[in-house]
PDB file of N, CA and C in Angstrom:
ATOM      1  N   MET A   1       0.837  -1.168   0.000  1.00  0.00           N
ATOM      2  CA  MET A   1       0.000   0.000   0.000  1.00  0.00           C
ATOM      3  C   MET A   1       0.880   1.228   0.000  1.00  0.00           C
ATOM      4  N   GLN A   2       0.459   2.234  -0.744  1.00  0.00           N
ATOM      5  CA  GLN A   2       1.191   3.496  -0.767  1.00  0.00           C
ATOM      6  C   GLN A   2       0.192   4.645  -0.764  1.00  0.00           C
ATOM      7  N   ILE A   3       0.463   5.651   0.067  1.00  0.00           N
ATOM      8  CA  ILE A   3      -0.336   6.875   0.076  1.00  0.00           C
ATOM      9  C   ILE A   3       0.558   7.996  -0.432  1.00  0.00           C
ATOM     10  N   THR A   4       0.140   8.631  -1.517  1.00  0.00           N
ATOM     11  CA  THR A   4       0.870   9.761  -2.075  1.00  0.00           C
ATOM     12  C   THR A   4       0.068  11.023  -1.799  1.00  0.00           C
ATOM     13  N   THR A   5       0.678  11.969  -1.086  1.00  0.00           N
ATOM     14  CA  THR A   5       0.000  13.231  -0.798  1.00  0.00           C
ATOM     15  C   THR A   5       0.047  14.108  -2.035  1.00  0.00           C
ATOM     16  N   LEU A   6      -1.104  14.625  -2.409  1.00  0.00           N
ATOM     17  CA  LEU A   6      -1.204  15.527  -3.540  1.00  0.00           C
ATOM     18  C   LEU A   6      -1.231  16.958  -3.024  1.00  0.00           C
ATOM     19  N   ASP A   7      -0.295  17.774  -3.487  1.00  0.00           N
ATOM     20  CA  ASP A   7      -0.171  19.169  -3.073  1.00  0.00           C
ATOM     21  C   ASP A   7      -0.066  19.298  -1.559  1.00  0.00           C
ATOM     22  N   PRO A   8       1.016  18.751  -0.968  1.00  0.00           N
ATOM     23  CA  PRO A   8       1.171  18.832   0.494  1.00  0.00           C
ATOM     24  C   PRO A   8       1.291  20.281   0.965  1.00  0.00           C
ATOM     25  N   GLN A   9       0.714  20.545   2.121  1.00  0.00           N
ATOM     26  CA  GLN A   9       0.756  21.861   2.747  1.00  0.00           C
ATOM     27  C   GLN A   9       1.715  21.793   3.938  1.00  0.00           C
ATOM     28  N   PRO A  10       2.186  22.941   4.422  1.00  0.00           N
ATOM     29  CA  PRO A  10       3.197  22.933   5.479  1.00  0.00           C
ATOM     30  C   PRO A  10       2.734  22.433   6.838  1.00  0.00           C
ATOM     31  N   ARG A  11       1.446  22.336   7.085  1.00  0.00           N
ATOM     32  CA  ARG A  11       0.962  21.970   8.416  1.00  0.00           C
ATOM     33  C   ARG A  11       0.255  20.627   8.440  1.00  0.00           C
ATOM     34  N   SER A  12       0.858  19.578   7.953  1.00  0.00           N
ATOM     35  CA  SER A  12       0.367  18.207   8.103  1.00  0.00           C
ATOM     36  C   SER A  12      -0.964  17.924   7.422  1.00  0.00           C
ATOM     37  N   TYR A  13      -1.159  18.445   6.236  1.00  0.00           N
ATOM     38  CA  TYR A  13      -2.302  18.028   5.439  1.00  0.00           C
ATOM     39  C   TYR A  13      -2.000  18.264   3.973  1.00  0.00           C
ATOM     40  N   GLY A  14      -2.725  17.572   3.127  1.00  0.00           N
ATOM     41  CA  GLY A  14      -2.575  17.742   1.690  1.00  0.00           C
ATOM     42  C   GLY A  14      -3.926  18.016   1.062  1.00  0.00           C
ATOM     43  N   GLN A  15      -3.890  18.440  -0.203  1.00  0.00           N
ATOM     44  CA  GLN A  15      -5.133  18.703  -0.922  1.00  0.00           C
ATOM     45  C   GLN A  15      -5.824  17.409  -1.345  1.00  0.00           C
ATOM     46  N   GLY A  16      -5.076  16.313  -1.364  1.00  0.00           N
ATOM     47  CA  GLY A  16      -5.649  15.026  -1.723  1.00  0.00           C
ATOM     48  C   GLY A  16      -4.689  13.919  -1.334  1.00  0.00           C
ATOM     49  N   ALA A  17      -5.185  12.688  -1.410  1.00  0.00           N
ATOM     50  CA  ALA A  17      -4.349  11.530  -1.104  1.00  0.00           C
ATOM     51  C   ALA A  17      -4.659  10.455  -2.138  1.00  0.00           C
ATOM     52  N   LEU A  18      -3.635  10.014  -2.844  1.00  0.00           N
ATOM     53  CA  LEU A  18      -3.778   8.926  -3.800  1.00  0.00           C
ATOM     54  C   LEU A  18      -3.332   7.650  -3.099  1.00  0.00           C
ATOM     55  N   VAL A  19      -4.243   6.700  -2.949  1.00  0.00           N
ATOM     56  CA  VAL A  19      -3.945   5.438  -2.272  1.00  0.00           C
ATOM     57  C   VAL A  19      -3.901   4.341  -3.332  1.00  0.00           C
ATOM     58  N   THR A  20      -2.768   3.645  -3.402  1.00  0.00           N
ATOM     59  CA  THR A  20      -2.617   2.561  -4.365  1.00  0.00           C
ATOM     60  C   THR A  20      -2.252   1.266  -3.652  1.00  0.00           C
ATOM     61  N   ASP A  21      -2.579   0.171  -4.279  1.00  0.00           N
ATOM     62  CA  ASP A  21      -2.254  -1.162  -3.745  1.00  0.00           C
ATOM     63  C   ASP A  21      -2.774  -1.362  -2.329  1.00  0.00           C
ATOM     64  N   VAL A  22      -4.002  -0.937  -2.091  1.00  0.00           N
ATOM     65  CA  VAL A  22      -4.579  -1.036  -0.759  1.00  0.00           C
ATOM     66  C   VAL A  22      -5.210  -2.417  -0.542  1.00  0.00           C
ATOM     67  N   ALA A  23      -4.998  -2.975   0.628  1.00  0.00           N
ATOM     68  CA  ALA A  23      -5.591  -4.260   0.990  1.00  0.00           C
ATOM     69  C   ALA A  23      -6.719  -4.078   2.008  1.00  0.00           C
ATOM     70  N   ARG A  24      -6.593  -3.042   2.853  1.00  0.00           N
ATOM     71  CA  ARG A  24      -7.587  -2.807   3.906  1.00  0.00           C
ATOM     72  C   ARG A  24      -7.885  -1.321   4.008  1.00  0.00           C
ATOM     73  N   LEU A  25      -9.137  -1.003   4.310  1.00  0.00           N
ATOM     74  CA  LEU A  25      -9.536   0.360   4.638  1.00  0.00           C
ATOM     75  C   LEU A  25     -10.090   0.358   6.049  1.00  0.00           C
ATOM     76  N   VAL A  26      -9.743   1.384   6.817  1.00  0.00           N
ATOM     77  CA  VAL A  26     -10.242   1.527   8.178  1.00  0.00           C
ATOM     78  C   VAL A  26     -11.026   2.839   8.224  1.00  0.00           C
ATOM     79  N   PHE A  27     -12.321   2.747   8.497  1.00  0.00           N
ATOM     80  CA  PHE A  27     -13.165   3.924   8.635  1.00  0.00           C
ATOM     81  C   PHE A  27     -13.345   4.204  10.115  1.00  0.00           C
ATOM     82  N   ILE A  28     -12.879   5.374  10.556  1.00  0.00           N
ATOM     83  CA  ILE A  28     -12.893   5.718  11.972  1.00  0.00           C
ATOM     84  C   ILE A  28     -14.034   6.693  12.234  1.00  0.00           C
ATOM     85  N   SER A  29     -14.986   6.260  13.027  1.00  0.00           N
ATOM     86  CA  SER A  29     -16.100   7.126  13.411  1.00  0.00           C
ATOM     87  C   SER A  29     -15.573   8.362  14.116  1.00  0.00           C
ATOM     88  N   GLY A  30     -16.400   9.396  14.159  1.00  0.00           N
ATOM     89  CA  GLY A  30     -16.002  10.612  14.849  1.00  0.00           C
ATOM     90  C   GLY A  30     -15.563  10.321  16.270  1.00  0.00           C
ATOM     91  N   GLN A  31     -14.327  10.696  16.563  1.00  0.00           N
ATOM     92  CA  GLN A  31     -13.775  10.484  17.901  1.00  0.00           C
ATOM     93  C   GLN A  31     -13.906  11.777  18.686  1.00  0.00           C
ATOM     94  N   VAL A  32     -14.497  11.671  19.843  1.00  0.00           N
ATOM     95  CA  VAL A  32     -14.806  12.842  20.651  1.00  0.00           C
ATOM     96  C   VAL A  32     -13.792  12.987  21.787  1.00  0.00           C
ATOM     97  N   PRO A  33     -13.771  14.163  22.407  1.00  0.00           N
ATOM     98  CA  PRO A  33     -12.803  14.418  23.472  1.00  0.00           C
ATOM     99  C   PRO A  33     -13.291  13.935  24.830  1.00  0.00           C
ATOM    100  N   GLU A  34     -13.585  12.661  24.902  1.00  0.00           N
ATOM    101  CA  GLU A  34     -14.090  12.059  26.139  1.00  0.00           C
ATOM    102  C   GLU A  34     -13.244  10.833  26.446  1.00  0.00           C
ATOM    103  N   ASP A  35     -12.819  10.696  27.697  1.00  0.00           N
ATOM    104  CA  ASP A  35     -12.044   9.512  28.066  1.00  0.00           C
ATOM    105  C   ASP A  35     -12.979   8.356  28.409  1.00  0.00           C
ATOM    106  N   ASN A  36     -12.411   7.217  28.778  1.00  0.00           N
ATOM    107  CA  ASN A  36     -13.208   6.018  29.062  1.00  0.00           C
ATOM    108  C   ASN A  36     -14.167   6.183  30.240  1.00  0.00           C
ATOM    109  N   ASP A  37     -13.876   7.154  31.102  1.00  0.00           N
ATOM    110  CA  ASP A  37     -14.742   7.414  32.250  1.00  0.00           C
ATOM    111  C   ASP A  37     -15.750   8.533  31.979  1.00  0.00           C
ATOM    112  N   GLY A  38     -15.786   9.011  30.726  1.00  0.00           N
ATOM    113  CA  GLY A  38     -16.731  10.058  30.355  1.00  0.00           C
ATOM    114  C   GLY A  38     -16.283  11.465  30.677  1.00  0.00           C
ATOM    115  N   ARG A  39     -15.028  11.610  31.094  1.00  0.00           N
ATOM    116  CA  ARG A  39     -14.515  12.945  31.422  1.00  0.00           C
ATOM    117  C   ARG A  39     -14.110  13.682  30.144  1.00  0.00           C
ATOM    118  N   VAL A  40     -14.379  14.985  30.129  1.00  0.00           N
ATOM    119  CA  VAL A  40     -14.059  15.856  29.003  1.00  0.00           C
ATOM    120  C   VAL A  40     -13.191  17.001  29.527  1.00  0.00           C
ATOM    121  N   PRO A  41     -11.993  17.209  28.969  1.00  0.00           N
ATOM    122  CA  PRO A  41     -11.171  18.338  29.414  1.00  0.00           C
ATOM    123  C   PRO A  41     -11.908  19.665  29.198  1.00  0.00           C
ATOM    124  N   ASP A  42     -11.567  20.669  30.007  1.00  0.00           N
ATOM    125  CA  ASP A  42     -12.226  21.974  29.921  1.00  0.00           C
ATOM    126  C   ASP A  42     -11.722  22.828  28.756  1.00  0.00           C
ATOM    127  N   ASP A  43     -10.470  22.629  28.350  1.00  0.00           N
ATOM    128  CA  ASP A  43      -9.866  23.508  27.348  1.00  0.00           C
ATOM    129  C   ASP A  43      -9.721  22.811  25.986  1.00  0.00           C
ATOM    130  N   PHE A  44      -9.591  23.628  24.938  1.00  0.00           N
ATOM    131  CA  PHE A  44      -9.497  23.070  23.593  1.00  0.00           C
ATOM    132  C   PHE A  44      -8.264  22.190  23.431  1.00  0.00           C
ATOM    133  N   ASP A  45      -7.102  22.626  23.901  1.00  0.00           N
ATOM    134  CA  ASP A  45      -5.885  21.823  23.738  1.00  0.00           C
ATOM    135  C   ASP A  45      -6.061  20.426  24.329  1.00  0.00           C
ATOM    136  N   GLY A  46      -6.592  20.352  25.544  1.00  0.00           N
ATOM    137  CA  GLY A  46      -6.815  19.054  26.178  1.00  0.00           C
ATOM    138  C   GLY A  46      -7.810  18.208  25.411  1.00  0.00           C
ATOM    139  N   GLN A  47      -8.876  18.837  24.921  1.00  0.00           N
ATOM    140  CA  GLN A  47      -9.865  18.103  24.152  1.00  0.00           C
ATOM    141  C   GLN A  47      -9.296  17.614  22.822  1.00  0.00           C
ATOM    142  N   CYS A  48      -8.528  18.459  22.166  1.00  0.00           N
ATOM    143  CA  CYS A  48      -7.948  18.079  20.875  1.00  0.00           C
ATOM    144  C   CYS A  48      -6.973  16.913  21.040  1.00  0.00           C
ATOM    145  N   ARG A  49      -6.126  16.990  22.037  1.00  0.00           N
ATOM    146  CA  ARG A  49      -5.173  15.897  22.278  1.00  0.00           C
ATOM    147  C   ARG A  49      -5.910  14.595  22.619  1.00  0.00           C
ATOM    148  N   LEU A  50      -6.980  14.690  23.393  1.00  0.00           N
ATOM    149  CA  LEU A  50      -7.741  13.493  23.761  1.00  0.00           C
ATOM    150  C   LEU A  50      -8.465  12.911  22.541  1.00  0.00           C
ATOM    151  N   ALA A  51      -9.060  13.744  21.713  1.00  0.00           N
ATOM    152  CA  ALA A  51      -9.721  13.244  20.503  1.00  0.00           C
ATOM    153  C   ALA A  51      -8.708  12.555  19.594  1.00  0.00           C
ATOM    154  N   TRP A  52      -7.512  13.152  19.430  1.00  0.00           N
ATOM    155  CA  TRP A  52      -6.471  12.500  18.634  1.00  0.00           C
ATOM    156  C   TRP A  52      -6.019  11.196  19.294  1.00  0.00           C
ATOM    157  N   ARG A  53      -5.910  11.171  20.616  1.00  0.00           N
ATOM    158  CA  ARG A  53      -5.532   9.937  21.318  1.00  0.00           C
ATOM    159  C   ARG A  53      -6.564   8.845  21.030  1.00  0.00           C
ATOM    160  N   ASN A  54      -7.838   9.218  20.972  1.00  0.00           N
ATOM    161  CA  ASN A  54      -8.882   8.257  20.655  1.00  0.00           C
ATOM    162  C   ASN A  54      -8.769   7.764  19.216  1.00  0.00           C
ATOM    163  N   VAL A  55      -8.413   8.651  18.289  1.00  0.00           N
ATOM    164  CA  VAL A  55      -8.157   8.231  16.898  1.00  0.00           C
ATOM    165  C   VAL A  55      -6.996   7.240  16.875  1.00  0.00           C
ATOM    166  N   LEU A  56      -5.923   7.563  17.570  1.00  0.00           N
ATOM    167  CA  LEU A  56      -4.748   6.690  17.606  1.00  0.00           C
ATOM    168  C   LEU A  56      -5.094   5.316  18.179  1.00  0.00           C
ATOM    169  N   SER A  57      -5.992   5.269  19.147  1.00  0.00           N
ATOM    170  CA  SER A  57      -6.405   3.980  19.724  1.00  0.00           C
ATOM    171  C   SER A  57      -7.109   3.107  18.696  1.00  0.00           C
ATOM    172  N   VAL A  58      -7.945   3.717  17.865  1.00  0.00           N
ATOM    173  CA  VAL A  58      -8.617   2.950  16.811  1.00  0.00           C
ATOM    174  C   VAL A  58      -7.603   2.480  15.780  1.00  0.00           C
ATOM    175  N   LEU A  59      -6.676   3.352  15.407  1.00  0.00           N
ATOM    176  CA  LEU A  59      -5.629   2.952  14.458  1.00  0.00           C
ATOM    177  C   LEU A  59      -4.835   1.765  15.006  1.00  0.00           C
ATOM    178  N   GLU A  60      -4.465   1.842  16.271  1.00  0.00           N
ATOM    179  CA  GLU A  60      -3.708   0.755  16.900  1.00  0.00           C
ATOM    180  C   GLU A  60      -4.508  -0.545  16.898  1.00  0.00           C
ATOM    181  N   ALA A  61      -5.797  -0.454  17.190  1.00  0.00           N
ATOM    182  CA  ALA A  61      -6.647  -1.650  17.186  1.00  0.00           C
ATOM    183  C   ALA A  61      -6.719  -2.289  15.800  1.00  0.00           C
ATOM    184  N   ALA A  62      -6.563  -1.465  14.762  1.00  0.00           N
ATOM    185  CA  ALA A  62      -6.581  -1.962  13.379  1.00  0.00           C
ATOM    186  C   ALA A  62      -5.187  -2.327  12.892  1.00  0.00           C
ATOM    187  N   ASP A  63      -4.185  -2.209  13.773  1.00  0.00           N
ATOM    188  CA  ASP A  63      -2.793  -2.518  13.450  1.00  0.00           C
ATOM    189  C   ASP A  63      -2.243  -1.635  12.339  1.00  0.00           C
ATOM    190  N   VAL A  64      -2.576  -0.320  12.430  1.00  0.00           N
ATOM    191  CA  VAL A  64      -2.028   0.683  11.524  1.00  0.00           C
ATOM    192  C   VAL A  64      -1.580   1.885  12.347  1.00  0.00           C
ATOM    193  N   THR A  65      -0.971   2.867  11.707  1.00  0.00           N
ATOM    194  CA  THR A  65      -0.459   4.053  12.399  1.00  0.00           C
ATOM    195  C   THR A  65      -0.960   5.316  11.691  1.00  0.00           C
ATOM    196  N   VAL A  66      -0.550   6.476  12.204  1.00  0.00           N
ATOM    197  CA  VAL A  66      -0.919   7.731  11.555  1.00  0.00           C
ATOM    198  C   VAL A  66      -0.415   7.788  10.122  1.00  0.00           C
ATOM    199  N   ARG A  67       0.652   7.058   9.820  1.00  0.00           N
ATOM    200  CA  ARG A  67       1.188   7.037   8.447  1.00  0.00           C
ATOM    201  C   ARG A  67       0.186   6.418   7.469  1.00  0.00           C
ATOM    202  N   ASN A  68      -0.808   5.699   7.981  1.00  0.00           N
ATOM    203  CA  ASN A  68      -1.831   5.074   7.137  1.00  0.00           C
ATOM    204  C   ASN A  68      -3.046   5.977   6.921  1.00  0.00           C
ATOM    205  N   LEU A  69      -3.100   7.108   7.616  1.00  0.00           N
ATOM    206  CA  LEU A  69      -4.249   7.994   7.431  1.00  0.00           C
ATOM    207  C   LEU A  69      -4.253   8.564   6.021  1.00  0.00           C
ATOM    208  N   ALA A  70      -5.381   8.421   5.332  1.00  0.00           N
ATOM    209  CA  ALA A  70      -5.538   8.979   3.990  1.00  0.00           C
ATOM    210  C   ALA A  70      -6.422  10.220   4.019  1.00  0.00           C
ATOM    211  N   LYS A  71      -7.400  10.263   4.938  1.00  0.00           N
ATOM    212  CA  LYS A  71      -8.352  11.368   5.006  1.00  0.00           C
ATOM    213  C   LYS A  71      -8.741  11.615   6.454  1.00  0.00           C
ATOM    214  N   VAL A  72      -8.742  12.882   6.838  1.00  0.00           N
ATOM    215  CA  VAL A  72      -9.147  13.287   8.183  1.00  0.00           C
ATOM    216  C   VAL A  72     -10.149  14.429   8.052  1.00  0.00           C
ATOM    217  N   THR A  73     -11.215  14.345   8.812  1.00  0.00           N
ATOM    218  CA  THR A  73     -12.182  15.440   8.901  1.00  0.00           C
ATOM    219  C   THR A  73     -12.286  15.850  10.358  1.00  0.00           C
ATOM    220  N   VAL A  74     -12.098  17.139  10.604  1.00  0.00           N
ATOM    221  CA  VAL A  74     -12.210  17.682  11.958  1.00  0.00           C
ATOM    222  C   VAL A  74     -13.431  18.586  11.993  1.00  0.00           C
ATOM    223  N   PHE A  75     -14.321  18.304  12.909  1.00  0.00           N
ATOM    224  CA  PHE A  75     -15.492  19.140  13.145  1.00  0.00           C
ATOM    225  C   PHE A  75     -15.174  19.981  14.378  1.00  0.00           C
ATOM    226  N   ARG A  76     -15.149  21.302  14.204  1.00  0.00           N
ATOM    227  CA  ARG A  76     -14.846  22.197  15.326  1.00  0.00           C
ATOM    228  C   ARG A  76     -16.053  23.052  15.644  1.00  0.00           C
ATOM    229  N   SER A  77     -16.179  23.413  16.906  1.00  0.00           N
ATOM    230  CA  SER A  77     -17.308  24.229  17.339  1.00  0.00           C
ATOM    231  C   SER A  77     -17.104  25.710  17.063  1.00  0.00           C
ATOM    232  N   ASP A  78     -15.851  26.135  16.834  1.00  0.00           N
ATOM    233  CA  ASP A  78     -15.586  27.566  16.707  1.00  0.00           C
ATOM    234  C   ASP A  78     -14.308  27.800  15.905  1.00  0.00           C
ATOM    235  N   ARG A  79     -14.315  28.858  15.119  1.00  0.00           N
ATOM    236  CA  ARG A  79     -13.135  29.221  14.321  1.00  0.00           C
ATOM    237  C   ARG A  79     -11.948  29.630  15.190  1.00  0.00           C
ATOM    238  N   ARG A  80     -12.194  30.107  16.377  1.00  0.00           N
ATOM    239  CA  ARG A  80     -11.098  30.621  17.212  1.00  0.00           C
ATOM    240  C   ARG A  80     -10.070  29.543  17.580  1.00  0.00           C
ATOM    241  N   TYR A  81     -10.415  28.276  17.385  1.00  0.00           N
ATOM    242  CA  TYR A  81      -9.484  27.196  17.728  1.00  0.00           C
ATOM    243  C   TYR A  81      -8.597  26.802  16.549  1.00  0.00           C
ATOM    244  N   ARG A  82      -8.598  27.589  15.497  1.00  0.00           N
ATOM    245  CA  ARG A  82      -7.868  27.267  14.269  1.00  0.00           C
ATOM    246  C   ARG A  82      -6.381  26.973  14.508  1.00  0.00           C
ATOM    247  N   GLU A  83      -5.698  27.892  15.153  1.00  0.00           N
ATOM    248  CA  GLU A  83      -4.249  27.736  15.359  1.00  0.00           C
ATOM    249  C   GLU A  83      -3.932  26.573  16.290  1.00  0.00           C
ATOM    250  N   ALA A  84      -4.660  26.434  17.376  1.00  0.00           N
ATOM    251  CA  ALA A  84      -4.419  25.322  18.298  1.00  0.00           C
ATOM    252  C   ALA A  84      -4.674  23.994  17.606  1.00  0.00           C
ATOM    253  N   ASN A  85      -5.726  23.916  16.822  1.00  0.00           N
ATOM    254  CA  ASN A  85      -6.039  22.692  16.090  1.00  0.00           C
ATOM    255  C   ASN A  85      -4.903  22.324  15.145  1.00  0.00           C
ATOM    256  N   ALA A  86      -4.409  23.294  14.375  1.00  0.00           N
ATOM    257  CA  ALA A  86      -3.319  23.037  13.434  1.00  0.00           C
ATOM    258  C   ALA A  86      -2.042  22.624  14.168  1.00  0.00           C
ATOM    259  N   ARG A  87      -1.736  23.309  15.263  1.00  0.00           N
ATOM    260  CA  ARG A  87      -0.512  23.009  16.019  1.00  0.00           C
ATOM    261  C   ARG A  87      -0.535  21.588  16.565  1.00  0.00           C
ATOM    262  N   ILE A  88      -1.647  21.200  17.178  1.00  0.00           N
ATOM    263  CA  ILE A  88      -1.739  19.863  17.781  1.00  0.00           C
ATOM    264  C   ILE A  88      -1.789  18.792  16.699  1.00  0.00           C
ATOM    265  N   ARG A  89      -2.512  19.053  15.610  1.00  0.00           N
ATOM    266  CA  ARG A  89      -2.539  18.096  14.493  1.00  0.00           C
ATOM    267  C   ARG A  89      -1.116  17.853  13.982  1.00  0.00           C
ATOM    268  N   HIS A  90      -0.345  18.913  13.856  1.00  0.00           N
ATOM    269  CA  HIS A  90       1.046  18.777  13.384  1.00  0.00           C
ATOM    270  C   HIS A  90       1.882  17.987  14.396  1.00  0.00           C
ATOM    271  N   GLU A  91       1.650  18.192  15.681  1.00  0.00           N
ATOM    272  CA  GLU A  91       2.355  17.402  16.704  1.00  0.00           C
ATOM    273  C   GLU A  91       2.058  15.916  16.525  1.00  0.00           C
ATOM    274  N   VAL A  92       0.800  15.588  16.250  1.00  0.00           N
ATOM    275  CA  VAL A  92       0.376  14.193  16.137  1.00  0.00           C
ATOM    276  C   VAL A  92       0.839  13.576  14.818  1.00  0.00           C
ATOM    277  N   LEU A  93       0.658  14.301  13.721  1.00  0.00           N
ATOM    278  CA  LEU A  93       0.942  13.728  12.397  1.00  0.00           C
ATOM    279  C   LEU A  93       2.373  13.926  11.931  1.00  0.00           C
ATOM    280  N   GLY A  94       3.083  14.882  12.509  1.00  0.00           N
ATOM    281  CA  GLY A  94       4.452  15.141  12.062  1.00  0.00           C
ATOM    282  C   GLY A  94       4.471  15.507  10.594  1.00  0.00           C
ATOM    283  N   ASP A  95       5.283  14.789   9.819  1.00  0.00           N
ATOM    284  CA  ASP A  95       5.406  15.110   8.399  1.00  0.00           C
ATOM    285  C   ASP A  95       4.418  14.339   7.523  1.00  0.00           C
ATOM    286  N   HIS A  96       3.511  13.585   8.124  1.00  0.00           N
ATOM    287  CA  HIS A  96       2.491  12.885   7.344  1.00  0.00           C
ATOM    288  C   HIS A  96       1.368  13.866   7.004  1.00  0.00           C
ATOM    289  N   SER A  97       0.911  13.851   5.764  1.00  0.00           N
ATOM    290  CA  SER A  97      -0.043  14.852   5.285  1.00  0.00           C
ATOM    291  C   SER A  97      -1.244  14.226   4.587  1.00  0.00           C
ATOM    292  N   PRO A  98      -2.203  13.688   5.336  1.00  0.00           N
ATOM    293  CA  PRO A  98      -3.410  13.143   4.706  1.00  0.00           C
ATOM    294  C   PRO A  98      -4.281  14.269   4.153  1.00  0.00           C
ATOM    295  N   ALA A  99      -5.219  13.916   3.285  1.00  0.00           N
ATOM    296  CA  ALA A  99      -6.218  14.887   2.851  1.00  0.00           C
ATOM    297  C   ALA A  99      -6.982  15.342   4.093  1.00  0.00           C
ATOM    298  N   MET A 100      -7.359  16.620   4.129  1.00  0.00           N
ATOM    299  CA  MET A 100      -7.911  17.190   5.355  1.00  0.00           C
ATOM    300  C   MET A 100      -9.077  18.109   5.047  1.00  0.00           C
ATOM    301  N   THR A 101     -10.113  18.003   5.860  1.00  0.00           N
ATOM    302  CA  THR A 101     -11.223  18.954   5.827  1.00  0.00           C
ATOM    303  C   THR A 101     -11.524  19.360   7.257  1.00  0.00           C
ATOM    304  N   VAL A 102     -11.736  20.656   7.463  1.00  0.00           N
ATOM    305  CA  VAL A 102     -12.150  21.173   8.768  1.00  0.00           C
ATOM    306  C   VAL A 102     -13.500  21.853   8.568  1.00  0.00           C
ATOM    307  N   ILE A 103     -14.458  21.496   9.406  1.00  0.00           N
ATOM    308  CA  ILE A 103     -15.808  22.040   9.312  1.00  0.00           C
ATOM    309  C   ILE A 103     -16.172  22.697  10.635  1.00  0.00           C
ATOM    310  N   ILE A 104     -16.669  23.927  10.564  1.00  0.00           N
ATOM    311  CA  ILE A 104     -17.150  24.612  11.756  1.00  0.00           C
ATOM    312  C   ILE A 104     -18.649  24.323  11.842  1.00  0.00           C
ATOM    313  N   THR A 105     -19.075  23.736  12.957  1.00  0.00           N
ATOM    314  CA  THR A 105     -20.457  23.283  13.066  1.00  0.00           C
ATOM    315  C   THR A 105     -20.859  23.160  14.533  1.00  0.00           C
ATOM    316  N   GLY A 106     -22.121  22.944  14.753  1.00  0.00           N
ATOM    317  CA  GLY A 106     -22.574  22.590  16.087  1.00  0.00           C
ATOM    318  C   GLY A 106     -22.162  21.148  16.352  1.00  0.00           C
ATOM    319  N   ILE A 107     -21.691  20.871  17.532  1.00  0.00           N
ATOM    320  CA  ILE A 107     -21.244  19.534  17.903  1.00  0.00           C
ATOM    321  C   ILE A 107     -22.349  18.875  18.737  1.00  0.00           C
ATOM    322  N   TYR A 108     -22.484  17.564  18.642  1.00  0.00           N
ATOM    323  CA  TYR A 108     -23.547  16.801  19.289  1.00  0.00           C
ATOM    324  C   TYR A 108     -23.693  17.132  20.771  1.00  0.00           C
ATOM    325  N   ASP A 109     -22.576  17.129  21.496  1.00  0.00           N
ATOM    326  CA  ASP A 109     -22.590  17.449  22.925  1.00  0.00           C
ATOM    327  C   ASP A 109     -21.967  18.834  23.091  1.00  0.00           C
ATOM    328  N   GLU A 110     -22.652  19.738  23.740  1.00  0.00           N
ATOM    329  CA  GLU A 110     -22.164  21.114  23.869  1.00  0.00           C
ATOM    330  C   GLU A 110     -20.846  21.221  24.630  1.00  0.00           C
ATOM    331  N   ALA A 111     -20.494  20.206  25.402  1.00  0.00           N
ATOM    332  CA  ALA A 111     -19.217  20.219  26.121  1.00  0.00           C
ATOM    333  C   ALA A 111     -18.039  19.950  25.190  1.00  0.00           C
ATOM    334  N   TRP A 112     -18.302  19.288  24.076  1.00  0.00           N
ATOM    335  CA  TRP A 112     -17.238  18.948  23.127  1.00  0.00           C
ATOM    336  C   TRP A 112     -16.942  20.137  22.231  1.00  0.00           C
ATOM    337  N   LEU A 113     -15.663  20.437  22.048  1.00  0.00           N
ATOM    338  CA  LEU A 113     -15.248  21.536  21.184  1.00  0.00           C
ATOM    339  C   LEU A 113     -14.827  21.049  19.799  1.00  0.00           C
ATOM    340  N   LEU A 114     -14.676  19.724  19.645  1.00  0.00           N
ATOM    341  CA  LEU A 114     -14.321  19.154  18.349  1.00  0.00           C
ATOM    342  C   LEU A 114     -14.641  17.673  18.320  1.00  0.00           C
ATOM    343  N   GLU A 115     -14.587  17.139  17.117  1.00  0.00           N
ATOM    344  CA  GLU A 115     -14.733  15.707  16.867  1.00  0.00           C
ATOM    345  C   GLU A 115     -13.888  15.401  15.635  1.00  0.00           C
ATOM    346  N   ILE A 116     -13.218  14.256  15.618  1.00  0.00           N
ATOM    347  CA  ILE A 116     -12.323  13.917  14.514  1.00  0.00           C
ATOM    348  C   ILE A 116     -12.722  12.557  13.946  1.00  0.00           C
ATOM    349  N   GLU A 117     -12.960  12.512  12.621  1.00  0.00           N
ATOM    350  CA  GLU A 117     -13.174  11.234  11.956  1.00  0.00           C
ATOM    351  C   GLU A 117     -12.086  11.063  10.900  1.00  0.00           C
ATOM    352  N   ALA A 118     -11.855   9.814  10.491  1.00  0.00           N
ATOM    353  CA  ALA A 118     -10.738   9.573   9.582  1.00  0.00           C
ATOM    354  C   ALA A 118     -10.936   8.286   8.787  1.00  0.00           C
ATOM    355  N   VAL A 119     -10.140   8.185   7.729  1.00  0.00           N
ATOM    356  CA  VAL A 119     -10.059   6.962   6.935  1.00  0.00           C
ATOM    357  C   VAL A 119      -8.578   6.628   6.798  1.00  0.00           C
ATOM    358  N   ALA A 120      -8.235   5.380   7.088  1.00  0.00           N
ATOM    359  CA  ALA A 120      -6.863   4.907   6.947  1.00  0.00           C
ATOM    360  C   ALA A 120      -6.851   3.768   5.930  1.00  0.00           C
ATOM    361  N   ALA A 121      -5.711   3.579   5.288  1.00  0.00           N
ATOM    362  CA  ALA A 121      -5.550   2.522   4.301  1.00  0.00           C
ATOM    363  C   ALA A 121      -4.281   1.739   4.603  1.00  0.00           C
ATOM    364  N   ALA A 122      -4.352   0.437   4.380  1.00  0.00           N
ATOM    365  CA  ALA A 122      -3.172  -0.409   4.629  1.00  0.00           C
ATOM    366  C   ALA A 122      -3.087  -1.464   3.552  1.00  0.00           C
TER     367      ALA A 122
END
């Protein structure tokens, strides 16, 4: 399997992802900033890191890594979290640049400031 980023951007995302020779696809439901005990951090940074940690847990369960991410969609409650979202995403993804969409919308639970869904290929 190979993922080729089309038009990579400097902050860990690309305009597209070409996936070739794929054997498995992993569709990751929206991961929310809630831990196993139902706790939600008060601040955006804590919530963003927890939502990404939840994405990473699903990837691990599927025996893949962030390098397998082909598409990520982040649903955010507010535009003001733009820079923090980009910074933390870059911390998590490093130089990997999947296709990316960010949508500003109402989130299911008002305590949640974001939700992250993704597609990985292996």
